C-alpha cells in the first residue's frame, strides 16, 4: 500500500491548490489548508502533518512550534527568507527547512529600479498634483539627473543584486558593490567595482540594500550610515525591513542627510488578511514627499507566485520520495 501524506498549507484556505496538486500528482497527499496568525495557531492547526507548505509568513516557527510538529519532515517556505524559522531547532528535530531562493529575481530587481526612477523623476509629486487638478512642473526646483551620470551602490551582491546591476548598467550608470563573500574579480566580470561599505556610502547616488537579515546585518543602516551617505542620494530597501532603522531613516529625511528613499519592506508588517478586509498600517515615512512606499510587493508577478509555490512543493515531494531537496536551508542531523 502506498504511503499517505498530509501537507499543511498555511493561509491555504484563501487560495486554490492547483499548482500544488499538480506537483504531487501520483502521490497520496491530503492537503490541510489552514489560516494562522500566531504561534499558538501553528501548534494547534499543524499537529500531525508530514510537511508544512508555508505560503505566507504569518507567524514564526519557534522552537516551541517545531517541538509540537512531531513527525513533520519538512517546512517549505514559499519565498527566499527563512529568518522566521528556528533552523537549529528544525535540524535537531530531524526536519528539512526549504526555501525558494531564485523565484523573483526579475521582479525584485525591476522594483528596485522602479523606485529609483520614481524618486529621481519626482513621480510621486507630479502624479499627486495632477490628481488635484494642478498643472505644476516646478522645473527650477527639480534636481533630475541622467542615470548615465550616477553611481549606484549595492550592499550585497547575490543573485538579485546582480540583476539590479545589469538593469542600472543598461542605463549607463556606474555600479559599485560591497559583499564580503564575493571577490573583486567576480564583480569585475559583471561590470561592477568592488568597494568597502563606507566608501560605497560616500560615492553612491543610489544605495540599494540586498543582504539577508542576519544578526550582523540587522539595523546596519543606522544614523551613522545615513549621515555618511551623500545628501543627493536615495536609499532603497526591497530586501528585509530589519536591515534599516526606521527612526534613523525618518530623521535622515528630516535633516536632509539623504535626498529620499524607496521602501518596500518594514520591520513590523501586518499579517495579510483573506476575509475581504485590509489591515491598517502606519509609518512615519509616509509624511515625506520624497519617499515612495510599497507594501512588500517587490517579489510579485503571477509567474513568480506560481514558481515559488511549485518549487516549494517540489522540495517536499523530494523529501517524501527519499531524495535530497534542491534548496535546503537546514537539513536533518
Protein backbone atom coordinates (compact mmCIF):
# COMPACT_ATOMS: atom_id res chain seq x y z
CA UNK A 1 0.00 0.00 0.00
CA UNK A 2 1.34 3.42 -0.97
CA UNK A 3 2.32 5.86 1.73
CA UNK A 4 -0.17 8.57 2.61
CA UNK A 5 0.95 12.09 3.45
CA UNK A 6 -0.67 15.17 4.94
CA UNK A 7 0.65 18.59 3.93
CA UNK A 8 -0.40 21.61 5.95
CA UNK A 9 -0.74 24.75 3.84
CA UNK A 10 -0.63 27.98 5.86
CA UNK A 11 -3.03 30.68 4.66
CA UNK A 12 -4.19 28.00 2.27
CA UNK A 13 -7.94 28.33 2.68
CA UNK A 14 -7.88 31.61 0.75
CA UNK A 15 -6.24 30.16 -2.33
CA UNK A 16 -6.70 27.35 -4.80
CA UNK A 17 -4.23 24.49 -4.61
CA UNK A 18 -3.98 23.73 -8.33
CA UNK A 19 -0.23 24.34 -8.51
CA UNK A 20 0.47 22.11 -5.53
CA UNK A 21 -1.91 19.38 -6.66
CA UNK A 22 -0.10 19.15 -9.98
CA UNK A 23 3.28 18.75 -8.25
CA UNK A 24 2.06 15.92 -6.01
CA UNK A 25 0.22 14.05 -8.76
CA UNK A 26 0.82 10.32 -8.35
CA UNK A 27 1.33 10.54 -4.58
CA UNK A 28 -1.39 10.03 -1.99
CA UNK A 29 -1.33 13.52 -0.49
CA UNK A 30 -4.07 15.19 1.54
CA UNK A 31 -3.84 18.95 1.93
CA UNK A 32 -4.79 20.67 5.16
CA UNK A 33 -5.34 24.37 4.33
CA UNK A 34 -5.21 26.49 7.49
CA UNK A 35 -5.36 30.19 8.26
CA UNK A 36 -2.92 31.06 11.03
CA UNK A 37 -1.82 34.28 12.68
CA UNK A 38 0.04 33.24 15.83
CA UNK A 39 2.45 30.60 17.05
CA UNK A 40 -0.44 29.08 19.02
CA UNK A 41 -2.33 28.70 15.74
CA UNK A 42 0.64 26.92 14.19
CA UNK A 43 0.93 24.49 17.09
CA UNK A 44 -2.79 23.75 17.07
CA UNK A 45 -3.56 23.59 13.35
CA UNK A 46 -0.50 21.72 12.10
CA UNK A 47 -0.36 18.84 14.56
CA UNK A 48 0.11 15.54 12.72
CA UNK A 49 1.18 16.90 9.34
CA UNK A 50 4.03 15.29 7.42
CA UNK A 51 5.15 18.62 5.96
CA UNK A 52 4.25 22.30 6.01
CA UNK A 53 3.94 24.43 2.91
CA UNK A 54 4.26 27.97 4.26
CA UNK A 55 2.52 30.04 1.60
CA UNK A 56 2.69 33.31 3.55
CA UNK A 57 4.67 34.36 6.60
CA UNK A 58 2.06 34.68 9.33
CA UNK A 59 3.86 33.57 12.49
CA UNK A 60 7.38 32.42 13.36
CA UNK A 61 8.31 28.77 13.59
CA UNK A 62 9.87 28.93 17.03
CA UNK A 63 11.50 26.02 18.83
CA UNK A 64 8.18 25.51 20.66
CA UNK A 65 6.26 25.29 17.39
CA UNK A 66 8.76 22.87 15.90
CA UNK A 67 8.60 20.68 19.01
CA UNK A 68 4.83 20.47 18.54
CA UNK A 69 5.18 19.28 14.93
CA UNK A 70 6.10 15.75 15.89
CA UNK A 71 6.62 13.65 12.77
CA UNK A 72 6.83 16.64 10.43
CA UNK A 73 9.61 16.07 7.92
CA UNK A 74 9.86 19.46 6.21
CA UNK A 75 8.86 23.10 6.42
CA UNK A 76 8.92 24.60 2.94
CA UNK A 77 8.89 28.38 2.76
CA UNK A 78 7.30 29.80 -0.39
CA UNK A 79 9.90 32.55 -0.52
CA UNK A 80 13.55 33.41 -0.01
CA UNK A 81 13.94 34.28 3.65
CA UNK A 82 13.95 31.70 6.44
CA UNK A 83 14.75 34.10 9.28
CA UNK A 84 11.34 33.31 10.84
CA UNK A 85 12.26 29.62 11.29
CA UNK A 86 14.43 28.36 14.15
CA UNK A 87 16.85 26.44 11.94
CA UNK A 88 18.76 24.84 14.81
CA UNK A 89 15.57 23.51 16.35
CA UNK A 90 14.43 22.15 13.00
CA UNK A 91 17.75 20.40 12.46
CA UNK A 92 17.63 18.86 15.92
CA UNK A 93 14.05 17.71 15.27
CA UNK A 94 15.07 15.95 12.06
CA UNK A 95 13.32 18.39 9.72
CA UNK A 96 14.30 19.95 6.47
CA UNK A 97 13.73 23.69 6.11
CA UNK A 98 13.33 24.54 2.44
CA UNK A 99 13.12 27.84 0.61
CA UNK A 100 12.90 29.18 -2.93
CA UNK A 101 15.94 31.43 -3.39
CA UNK A 102 15.59 32.43 -7.03
CA UNK A 103 11.92 32.72 -7.97
CA UNK A 104 11.62 36.53 -8.08
CA UNK A 105 14.98 37.80 -9.29
CA UNK A 106 13.43 39.68 -12.20
CA UNK A 107 10.58 41.11 -10.17
CA UNK A 108 12.58 42.43 -7.20
CA UNK A 109 15.36 43.88 -9.35
CA UNK A 110 12.80 45.62 -11.55
CA UNK A 111 11.04 47.01 -8.46
CA UNK A 112 14.30 48.46 -7.16
CA UNK A 113 14.89 50.17 -10.49
CA UNK A 114 11.30 51.44 -10.49
CA UNK A 115 11.71 53.00 -7.04
CA UNK A 116 14.91 54.75 -8.11
CA UNK A 117 13.30 56.10 -11.28
CA UNK A 118 10.19 57.25 -9.42
CA UNK A 119 12.35 59.15 -6.94
CA UNK A 120 14.68 60.68 -9.50
CA UNK A 121 11.84 61.69 -11.86
CA UNK A 122 9.74 63.04 -8.92
CA UNK A 123 6.85 60.81 -9.96
CA UNK A 124 5.01 60.94 -6.64
CA UNK A 125 4.69 64.74 -6.58
CA UNK A 126 3.77 65.11 -10.25
CA UNK A 127 1.12 62.41 -10.01
CA UNK A 128 -0.39 63.93 -6.85
CA UNK A 129 -0.55 67.45 -8.29
CA UNK A 130 -2.27 66.34 -11.48
CA UNK A 131 -4.82 64.34 -9.48
CA UNK A 132 -5.57 67.56 -7.60
CA UNK A 133 -6.14 69.39 -10.89
CA UNK A 134 -2.86 71.32 -10.75
CA UNK A 135 -0.57 71.57 -13.80
CA UNK A 136 2.63 72.39 -11.96
CA UNK A 137 6.06 71.48 -13.26
CA UNK A 138 8.33 73.41 -10.88
CA UNK A 139 11.22 72.63 -13.18
CA UNK A 140 13.54 75.06 -11.45
CA UNK A 141 13.19 73.11 -8.22
CA UNK A 142 13.76 69.72 -9.79
CA UNK A 143 17.15 68.07 -9.45
CA UNK A 144 16.57 65.48 -12.12
CA UNK A 145 19.77 63.80 -13.27
CA UNK A 146 20.59 61.45 -16.08
CA UNK A 147 21.07 57.92 -14.82
CA UNK A 148 24.15 57.72 -17.01
CA UNK A 149 25.82 60.27 -14.73
CA UNK A 150 25.01 58.44 -11.49
CA UNK A 151 26.76 55.83 -9.38
CA UNK A 152 24.66 53.03 -7.91
CA UNK A 153 25.91 51.25 -4.78
CA UNK A 154 24.71 47.73 -4.00
CA UNK A 155 25.08 46.40 -0.47
CA UNK A 156 25.21 42.67 -1.02
CA UNK A 157 25.92 41.08 -4.38
CA UNK A 158 23.78 37.98 -4.62
CA UNK A 159 21.50 36.95 -7.46
CA UNK A 160 19.02 39.82 -7.09
CA UNK A 161 21.72 42.47 -6.75
CA UNK A 162 23.38 41.20 -9.94
CA UNK A 163 20.11 41.69 -11.81
CA UNK A 164 19.85 45.19 -10.33
CA UNK A 165 23.37 45.92 -11.54
CA UNK A 166 22.52 44.74 -15.05
CA UNK A 167 19.45 46.97 -15.19
CA UNK A 168 21.20 50.11 -13.97
CA UNK A 169 24.19 49.49 -16.22
CA UNK A 170 21.79 49.32 -19.17
CA UNK A 171 21.01 52.97 -18.41
CA UNK A 172 24.72 53.78 -18.40
CA UNK A 173 25.12 54.10 -14.63
CA UNK A 174 28.33 53.10 -12.87
CA UNK A 175 27.76 50.35 -10.32
CA UNK A 176 29.80 49.60 -7.21
CA UNK A 177 29.07 46.90 -4.65
CA UNK A 178 30.17 45.57 -1.30
CA UNK A 179 29.91 41.95 -0.24
CA UNK A 180 32.42 40.07 1.94
CA UNK A 181 31.55 36.79 0.22
CA UNK A 182 32.14 37.90 -3.39
CA UNK A 183 35.63 38.71 -4.64
CA UNK A 184 36.62 41.66 -6.80
CA UNK A 185 37.28 39.55 -9.91
CA UNK A 186 33.78 38.10 -9.85
CA UNK A 187 32.28 41.57 -9.55
CA UNK A 188 34.53 42.89 -12.29
CA UNK A 189 33.25 40.16 -14.61
CA UNK A 190 29.76 41.57 -14.00
CA UNK A 191 30.94 45.11 -14.79
CA UNK A 192 30.86 46.14 -11.13
CA UNK A 193 33.59 47.63 -8.95
CA UNK A 194 34.09 46.12 -5.50
CA UNK A 195 34.40 48.65 -2.67
CA UNK A 196 34.07 48.64 1.11
CA UNK A 197 30.83 49.68 2.82
CA UNK A 198 31.87 53.18 3.91
CA UNK A 199 33.37 54.25 0.55
CA UNK A 200 30.20 52.99 -1.13
CA UNK A 201 28.11 55.29 1.06
CA UNK A 202 30.46 58.16 0.23
CA UNK A 203 30.14 57.69 -3.55
CA UNK A 204 26.73 56.32 -4.47
CA UNK A 205 23.79 58.41 -5.67
CA UNK A 206 21.57 55.35 -5.15
CA UNK A 207 22.23 52.93 -2.29
CA UNK A 208 20.26 49.70 -2.63
CA UNK A 209 20.50 47.00 0.04
CA UNK A 210 20.31 43.32 -0.94
CA UNK A 211 21.62 41.34 2.03
CA UNK A 212 19.90 38.65 4.08
CA UNK A 213 18.66 39.62 7.53
CA UNK A 214 21.23 38.20 9.94
CA UNK A 215 22.48 39.23 13.36
CA UNK A 216 25.38 41.06 11.73
CA UNK A 217 23.20 42.89 9.18
CA UNK A 218 20.21 43.80 11.35
CA UNK A 219 19.99 47.59 11.61
CA UNK A 220 23.13 48.07 9.51
CA UNK A 221 21.59 51.21 8.04
CA UNK A 222 21.55 53.31 11.19
CA UNK A 223 22.04 57.01 11.90
CA UNK A 224 25.76 56.78 11.17
CA UNK A 225 25.21 55.09 7.81
CA UNK A 226 22.62 57.63 6.69
CA UNK A 227 24.81 60.52 7.87
CA UNK A 228 27.65 59.19 5.74
CA UNK A 229 25.57 58.97 2.57
CA UNK A 230 25.57 61.80 0.04
CA UNK A 231 22.92 64.46 0.57
CA UNK A 232 21.72 63.86 -3.00
CA UNK A 233 21.50 60.07 -2.57
CA UNK A 234 18.49 57.78 -2.39
CA UNK A 235 18.19 54.76 -0.10
CA UNK A 236 16.34 51.69 -1.40
CA UNK A 237 15.29 48.61 0.55
CA UNK A 238 13.49 45.78 -1.23
CA UNK A 239 15.15 43.07 0.89
CA UNK A 240 14.21 42.97 4.60
CA UNK A 241 12.77 45.72 6.78
CA UNK A 242 15.08 44.92 9.67
CA UNK A 243 18.11 45.98 7.66
CA UNK A 244 17.37 49.66 8.26
CA UNK A 245 16.47 51.58 11.40
CA UNK A 246 13.20 53.28 10.51
CA UNK A 247 13.59 56.04 13.11
CA UNK A 248 17.09 56.80 11.84
CA UNK A 249 15.83 56.90 8.25
CA UNK A 250 12.98 59.20 9.26
CA UNK A 251 15.47 61.52 10.99
CA UNK A 252 17.82 61.48 8.00
CA UNK A 253 14.98 62.54 5.72
CA UNK A 254 14.01 65.32 8.14
CA UNK A 255 17.57 66.62 8.35
CA UNK A 256 18.28 66.37 4.64
CA UNK A 257 21.12 63.90 5.16
CA UNK A 258 19.73 61.99 2.16
CA UNK A 259 17.55 63.02 -0.77
CA UNK A 260 14.86 60.36 -0.49
CA UNK A 261 14.00 56.72 -0.03
CA UNK A 262 12.16 53.88 -1.72
CA UNK A 263 10.94 51.27 0.76
CA UNK A 264 9.09 48.02 0.09
CA UNK A 265 9.80 46.23 3.38
CA UNK A 266 9.28 47.13 7.02
CA UNK A 267 10.48 45.67 10.31
CA UNK A 268 6.91 45.27 11.58
CA UNK A 269 4.44 44.35 8.86
CA UNK A 270 0.80 43.42 9.44
CA UNK A 271 -0.32 39.93 8.55
CA UNK A 272 -2.25 39.69 5.31
CA UNK A 273 -5.96 39.05 5.64
CA UNK A 274 -8.14 36.94 3.40
CA UNK A 275 -11.62 37.89 4.54
CA UNK A 276 -12.06 40.83 2.19
CA UNK A 277 -10.66 43.37 4.65
CA UNK A 278 -7.28 45.06 4.63
CA UNK A 279 -5.06 45.64 7.67
CA UNK A 280 -4.18 49.17 8.75
CA UNK A 281 -0.57 50.28 8.69
CA UNK A 282 1.26 53.37 9.84
CA UNK A 283 4.82 54.52 9.30
CA UNK A 284 6.43 57.91 9.93
CA UNK A 285 7.99 57.65 6.48
CA UNK A 286 4.59 58.30 4.89
CA UNK A 287 4.73 62.00 5.74
CA UNK A 288 7.74 62.62 3.49
CA UNK A 289 7.11 63.72 -0.10
CA UNK A 290 10.49 62.37 -1.15
CA UNK A 291 9.66 58.80 -0.18
CA UNK A 292 7.99 56.10 -2.28
CA UNK A 293 6.41 53.27 -0.29
CA UNK A 294 5.05 49.90 -1.41
CA UNK A 295 3.59 47.12 0.81
CA UNK A 296 6.13 44.29 0.37
CA UNK A 297 5.13 43.54 -3.22
CA UNK A 298 8.51 43.75 -4.98
CA UNK A 299 8.54 39.97 -5.34
CA UNK A 300 5.18 39.72 -7.07
CA UNK A 301 4.14 38.69 -10.53
CA UNK A 302 1.73 35.93 -11.47
CA UNK A 303 4.61 33.87 -12.83
CA UNK A 304 6.72 34.39 -9.70
CA UNK A 305 3.84 33.40 -7.44
CA UNK A 306 3.28 30.14 -9.31
CA UNK A 307 7.01 29.41 -9.44
CA UNK A 308 7.58 29.77 -5.71
CA UNK A 309 4.60 27.54 -4.92
CA UNK A 310 5.70 24.91 -7.41
CA UNK A 311 9.33 24.89 -6.26
CA UNK A 312 8.41 24.65 -2.58
CA UNK A 313 6.05 21.76 -3.29
CA UNK A 314 8.71 20.02 -5.37
CA UNK A 315 11.06 20.21 -2.41
CA UNK A 316 8.53 18.50 -0.17
CA UNK A 317 7.90 15.82 -2.78
CA UNK A 318 11.64 15.13 -2.92
CA UNK A 319 11.68 14.61 0.85
CA UNK A 320 8.69 12.25 0.67
CA UNK A 321 10.41 10.24 -2.05
CA UNK A 322 13.69 10.00 -0.18
CA UNK A 323 15.58 12.35 -2.47
CA UNK A 324 17.69 15.31 -1.40
CA UNK A 325 15.69 18.52 -1.96
CA UNK A 326 17.28 21.16 -4.15
CA UNK A 327 17.04 24.14 -1.80
CA UNK A 328 17.61 23.29 1.87
CA UNK A 329 18.41 25.96 4.45
CA UNK A 330 18.51 23.27 7.15
CA UNK A 331 18.85 19.51 6.93
CA UNK A 332 18.18 16.76 9.49
CA UNK A 333 21.06 15.56 11.62
